[in-house]
Amino acid sequence: MNRRSLLIIAAVIAAALVATVLIPSLRERAQHYFMHEENEILATAEGDLLNDGSVTKVLKVRSGDGIYVEVLKMKPNGDTTVVDRIVLPDKHDGLFNYQGHVTRLAIADIDNDGKYELLAPTFDNQLVPHLNVFHFNPESGHFELYQPQPTK
């Protein structure tokens, strides 16, 4: 290849890069080509979250759409079934101190009623922390946002 051919190839590549930067639809296609939507497991926890004596495993996952927790019921043979998937309202993962340990996910009986709740901290876009607390509703078979009962 001679020098002139190399200059033509470089000019074509430069023009393609400029077009990709200046044209939004081309830029979006290039981003999707190079970016892969993969899930990242941020934290796990295990316990009797269904309050029926069974073992559940909870995964806190970051995906391209945000953060969610997935509750899996562990069967004795090692198989799992998905009990619920809870999309958290905030896009930023959070940490909190629980019983002297920094964690991203916890299972605890926070109201001393003998039933466990799921604690999943997040930060909103202004970096205000939120502790999302969910309890299992056996009637619906899903997790609901925990609302403490007013004290009398």
Protein backbone atom coordinates (compact mmCIF):
# COMPACT_ATOMS: atom_id res chain seq x y z
CA MET A 1 0.00 0.00 0.00
CA ASN A 2 1.28 3.38 -0.85
CA ARG A 3 1.01 6.60 1.10
CA ARG A 4 -1.94 7.90 -0.91
CA SER A 5 -4.04 4.77 -0.15
CA LEU A 6 -3.32 5.12 3.55
CA LEU A 7 -4.41 8.78 3.50
CA ILE A 8 -7.67 7.86 1.74
CA ILE A 9 -8.40 5.11 4.28
CA ALA A 10 -7.63 7.48 7.18
CA ALA A 11 -9.91 10.16 5.67
CA VAL A 12 -12.79 7.65 5.31
CA ILE A 13 -12.36 6.48 8.91
CA ALA A 14 -12.23 10.09 10.15
CA ALA A 15 -15.39 10.97 8.18
CA ALA A 16 -17.20 7.94 9.63
CA LEU A 17 -16.20 8.93 13.17
CA VAL A 18 -17.33 12.53 12.65
CA ALA A 19 -20.66 11.34 11.22
CA THR A 20 -21.13 9.00 14.20
CA VAL A 21 -20.53 11.84 16.64
CA LEU A 22 -22.75 14.37 14.83
CA ILE A 23 -25.71 12.17 13.85
CA PRO A 24 -27.69 10.98 16.92
CA SER A 25 -29.13 7.85 15.29
CA LEU A 26 -25.67 6.67 14.22
CA ARG A 27 -24.26 7.49 17.64
CA GLU A 28 -27.01 5.43 19.31
CA ARG A 29 -26.36 2.46 17.02
CA ALA A 30 -22.64 2.60 17.78
CA GLN A 31 -23.30 2.73 21.52
CA HIS A 32 -25.62 -0.29 21.37
CA TYR A 33 -23.06 -2.18 19.32
CA PHE A 34 -20.28 -1.70 21.88
CA MET A 35 -22.33 -1.69 25.09
CA HIS A 36 -23.73 -4.99 26.34
CA GLU A 37 -26.58 -5.12 28.81
CA GLU A 38 -25.33 -7.49 31.46
CA ASN A 39 -26.68 -8.05 34.93
CA GLU A 40 -24.36 -7.54 37.88
CA ILE A 41 -25.12 -9.26 41.18
CA LEU A 42 -24.52 -6.66 43.90
CA ALA A 43 -25.42 -8.70 46.98
CA THR A 44 -27.05 -11.90 48.19
CA ALA A 45 -28.80 -12.91 51.39
CA GLU A 46 -30.38 -16.12 52.64
CA GLY A 47 -33.04 -16.76 55.26
CA ASP A 48 -36.66 -17.64 55.96
CA LEU A 49 -38.07 -14.60 54.19
CA LEU A 50 -41.38 -16.35 53.42
CA ASN A 51 -41.83 -17.07 57.15
CA ASP A 52 -42.81 -20.68 56.45
CA GLY A 53 -39.61 -22.45 57.48
CA SER A 54 -38.27 -22.65 53.92
CA VAL A 55 -34.94 -21.24 52.77
CA THR A 56 -35.02 -18.31 50.40
CA LYS A 57 -32.15 -16.67 48.57
CA VAL A 58 -32.34 -13.00 47.63
CA LEU A 59 -30.26 -11.43 44.86
CA LYS A 60 -29.78 -7.68 44.51
CA VAL A 61 -29.03 -7.09 40.83
CA ARG A 62 -28.05 -4.07 38.71
CA SER A 63 -29.18 -4.20 35.10
CA GLY A 64 -29.34 -1.65 32.30
CA ASP A 65 -32.83 -0.70 33.50
CA GLY A 66 -31.96 -0.13 37.17
CA ILE A 67 -31.71 -2.15 40.36
CA TYR A 68 -34.00 -4.97 41.40
CA VAL A 69 -34.13 -7.75 43.96
CA GLU A 70 -35.16 -11.27 43.07
CA VAL A 71 -36.40 -13.68 45.73
CA LEU A 72 -35.81 -17.37 45.04
CA LYS A 73 -37.25 -20.28 47.02
CA MET A 74 -34.67 -23.01 47.48
CA LYS A 75 -35.96 -26.57 47.11
CA PRO A 76 -34.36 -29.51 48.96
CA ASN A 77 -33.09 -30.99 45.67
CA GLY A 78 -31.21 -27.75 44.88
CA ASP A 79 -33.69 -26.35 42.36
CA THR A 80 -35.02 -22.80 42.75
CA THR A 81 -38.27 -21.08 41.88
CA VAL A 82 -38.71 -17.34 41.53
CA VAL A 83 -41.08 -16.05 44.23
CA ASP A 84 -40.97 -12.37 43.29
CA ARG A 85 -38.97 -9.71 41.49
CA ILE A 86 -39.05 -6.25 43.04
CA VAL A 87 -37.86 -3.28 40.99
CA LEU A 88 -36.36 -0.73 43.37
CA PRO A 89 -37.43 2.89 42.86
CA ASP A 90 -33.92 4.36 42.76
CA LYS A 91 -31.14 3.82 40.21
CA HIS A 92 -28.13 3.96 42.58
CA ASP A 93 -27.06 1.13 44.86
CA GLY A 94 -26.81 1.86 48.57
CA LEU A 95 -25.10 0.53 51.67
CA PHE A 96 -26.05 0.68 55.33
CA ASN A 97 -24.69 -0.46 58.67
CA TYR A 98 -26.65 -3.41 60.05
CA GLN A 99 -25.54 -4.91 63.36
CA GLY A 100 -22.02 -3.56 62.91
CA HIS A 101 -21.61 -4.76 59.31
CA VAL A 102 -21.86 -2.67 56.16
CA THR A 103 -24.22 -4.40 53.74
CA ARG A 104 -26.21 -3.86 50.56
CA LEU A 105 -28.98 -6.30 51.47
CA ALA A 106 -30.34 -7.77 54.70
CA ILE A 107 -33.09 -9.99 56.05
CA ALA A 108 -34.28 -9.00 59.52
CA ASP A 109 -37.29 -8.87 61.81
CA ILE A 110 -37.35 -5.09 62.21
CA ASP A 111 -40.68 -4.80 64.04
CA ASN A 112 -40.26 -7.81 66.38
CA ASP A 113 -43.41 -9.56 65.10
CA GLY A 114 -41.60 -12.85 64.42
CA LYS A 115 -41.71 -12.33 60.62
CA TYR A 116 -38.71 -11.31 58.55
CA GLU A 117 -38.52 -8.30 56.27
CA LEU A 118 -36.22 -7.57 53.34
CA LEU A 119 -34.02 -4.45 53.61
CA ALA A 120 -32.53 -3.05 50.38
CA PRO A 121 -30.85 0.39 50.54
CA THR A 122 -30.60 2.71 47.52
CA PHE A 123 -29.78 6.32 46.66
CA ASP A 124 -31.97 8.56 44.51
CA ASN A 125 -30.61 10.90 41.80
CA GLN A 126 -29.84 13.59 44.41
CA LEU A 127 -27.91 10.93 46.40
CA VAL A 128 -30.48 10.95 49.20
CA PRO A 129 -30.40 7.52 50.87
CA HIS A 130 -33.52 5.35 51.09
CA LEU A 131 -33.97 2.12 53.02
CA ASN A 132 -36.52 0.09 51.07
CA VAL A 133 -38.23 -2.41 53.37
CA PHE A 134 -40.50 -5.16 52.05
CA HIS A 135 -42.51 -7.89 53.75
CA PHE A 136 -44.05 -11.00 52.25
CA ASN A 137 -47.83 -11.08 51.91
CA PRO A 138 -48.82 -14.79 51.93
CA GLU A 139 -52.29 -13.97 50.58
CA SER A 140 -51.01 -12.36 47.37
CA GLY A 141 -47.78 -14.37 47.22
CA HIS A 142 -45.77 -11.18 46.62
CA PHE A 143 -43.62 -8.75 48.54
CA GLU A 144 -45.10 -5.40 49.50
CA LEU A 145 -43.57 -2.17 50.72
CA TYR A 146 -43.50 -2.29 54.50
CA GLN A 147 -45.68 0.28 56.25
CA PRO A 148 -45.18 0.29 60.03
CA GLN A 149 -48.33 0.19 62.13
CA PRO A 150 -48.95 3.33 64.17
CA THR A 151 -48.17 2.92 67.85
CA LYS A 152 -51.07 3.29 70.25
